[in-house]
Protein backbone atom coordinates (compact mmCIF):
# COMPACT_ATOMS: atom_id res chain seq x y z
CA MET A 1 -9.61 -24.77 -5.77
CA GLY A 2 -7.82 -22.08 -3.73
CA SER A 3 -6.23 -18.89 -4.92
CA SER A 4 -2.52 -18.35 -4.63
CA PRO A 5 -1.26 -15.47 -2.51
CA ALA A 6 0.00 -13.73 -5.66
CA ARG A 7 -3.50 -13.79 -7.16
CA LEU A 8 -4.93 -12.37 -3.95
CA ALA A 9 -2.45 -9.48 -3.70
CA GLU A 10 -4.43 -7.15 -5.95
CA PRO A 11 -7.84 -7.59 -4.34
CA ALA A 12 -6.25 -7.43 -0.88
CA ALA A 13 -4.42 -4.19 -1.71
CA ALA A 14 -7.61 -2.79 -3.27
CA ALA A 15 -9.57 -3.64 -0.12
CA ILE A 16 -6.94 -1.96 2.03
CA ALA A 17 -7.05 1.11 -0.21
CA ALA A 18 -10.82 1.32 0.24
CA LEU A 19 -10.64 0.77 4.00
CA VAL A 20 -8.14 3.53 4.73
CA ILE A 21 -9.84 6.31 2.75
CA ASP A 22 -10.75 8.98 5.31
CA ASP A 23 -10.81 6.45 8.16
CA ASP A 24 -8.28 7.22 10.86
CA ALA A 25 -9.10 4.07 12.83
CA CYS A 26 -8.38 1.86 9.82
CA CYS A 27 -5.20 3.81 9.11
CA GLN A 28 -4.06 3.27 12.69
CA ALA A 29 -4.90 -0.43 12.52
CA LEU A 30 -2.93 -0.79 9.30
CA LEU A 31 0.03 1.02 10.81
CA GLN A 32 -0.07 -1.20 13.91
CA ALA A 33 -0.17 -4.28 11.68
CA GLN A 34 2.84 -2.91 9.78
CA GLY A 35 0.77 -2.85 6.61
CA THR A 36 3.03 -0.40 4.84
CA ALA A 37 5.80 -2.99 4.88
CA ALA A 38 3.41 -5.43 3.18
CA LEU A 39 2.23 -2.93 0.55
CA VAL A 40 5.60 -1.58 -0.57
CA PRO A 41 6.88 -4.82 -2.19
CA LEU A 42 3.79 -4.88 -4.39
CA LEU A 43 5.04 -1.68 -6.03
CA SER A 44 7.84 -3.66 -7.66
CA ARG A 45 5.21 -5.32 -9.85
CA ALA A 46 5.18 -2.28 -12.12
CA ALA A 47 2.01 -1.75 -14.15
CA SER A 48 0.27 -4.64 -12.41
CA PRO A 49 -3.13 -4.22 -10.79
CA ALA A 50 -1.51 -5.08 -7.45
CA ALA A 51 0.99 -2.22 -7.82
CA VAL A 52 -1.81 0.20 -8.72
CA SER A 53 -3.86 -0.83 -5.69
CA ALA A 54 -0.83 -0.71 -3.39
CA ALA A 55 0.04 2.80 -4.60
CA SER A 56 -3.55 3.88 -4.02
CA ALA A 57 -3.56 2.40 -0.53
CA LEU A 58 -0.28 4.12 0.31
CA ALA A 59 -1.61 7.43 -1.02
CA SER A 60 -4.69 7.24 1.19
CA LEU A 61 -2.74 6.01 4.18
CA THR A 62 -0.05 8.67 4.01
CA ALA A 63 -2.68 11.38 3.68
CA SER A 64 -3.79 10.47 7.21
CA GLY A 65 -0.81 12.14 8.85
CA HIS A 66 2.80 12.16 9.87
CA PRO A 67 2.98 8.70 11.53
CA ALA A 68 1.75 7.09 8.31
CA ARG A 69 4.19 9.08 6.19
CA LEU A 70 7.03 8.08 8.49
CA ALA A 71 6.03 4.40 8.32
CA ALA A 72 5.84 4.55 4.53
CA ARG A 73 9.23 6.20 4.29
CA GLU A 74 10.77 3.65 6.64
CA ALA A 75 9.25 0.81 4.57
CA GLY A 76 10.96 2.16 1.44
CA ALA A 77 7.88 3.57 -0.27
CA LEU A 78 9.67 6.53 -1.81
CA GLU A 79 12.36 4.37 -3.36
CA ALA A 80 9.69 1.98 -4.67
CA LEU A 81 7.41 4.71 -6.04
CA LEU A 82 9.97 6.85 -7.84
CA PRO A 83 10.80 4.31 -10.58
CA LEU A 84 7.09 4.08 -11.36
CA LEU A 85 7.21 7.72 -12.51
CA ASP A 86 9.72 6.91 -15.26
CA PRO A 87 7.87 7.19 -18.58
């Protein structure tokens, strides 16, 4: 029995979050693969484990430097993250 893509979103985002922590090569690979565009839609699943992992991955990725911040901004990360701050 296989897992649906929706069920794999959280572990995939969690794996990405772990891979990009303090690893510039992984950050660059994720940017080249346009990974920010894949992570941002997961943020719309507010309070889900996938959204938490995607936010963590984006936090680590954007800490790597300007190109990552630009890619996140262009993928709509700011617009997706801001509603998550609403109490």
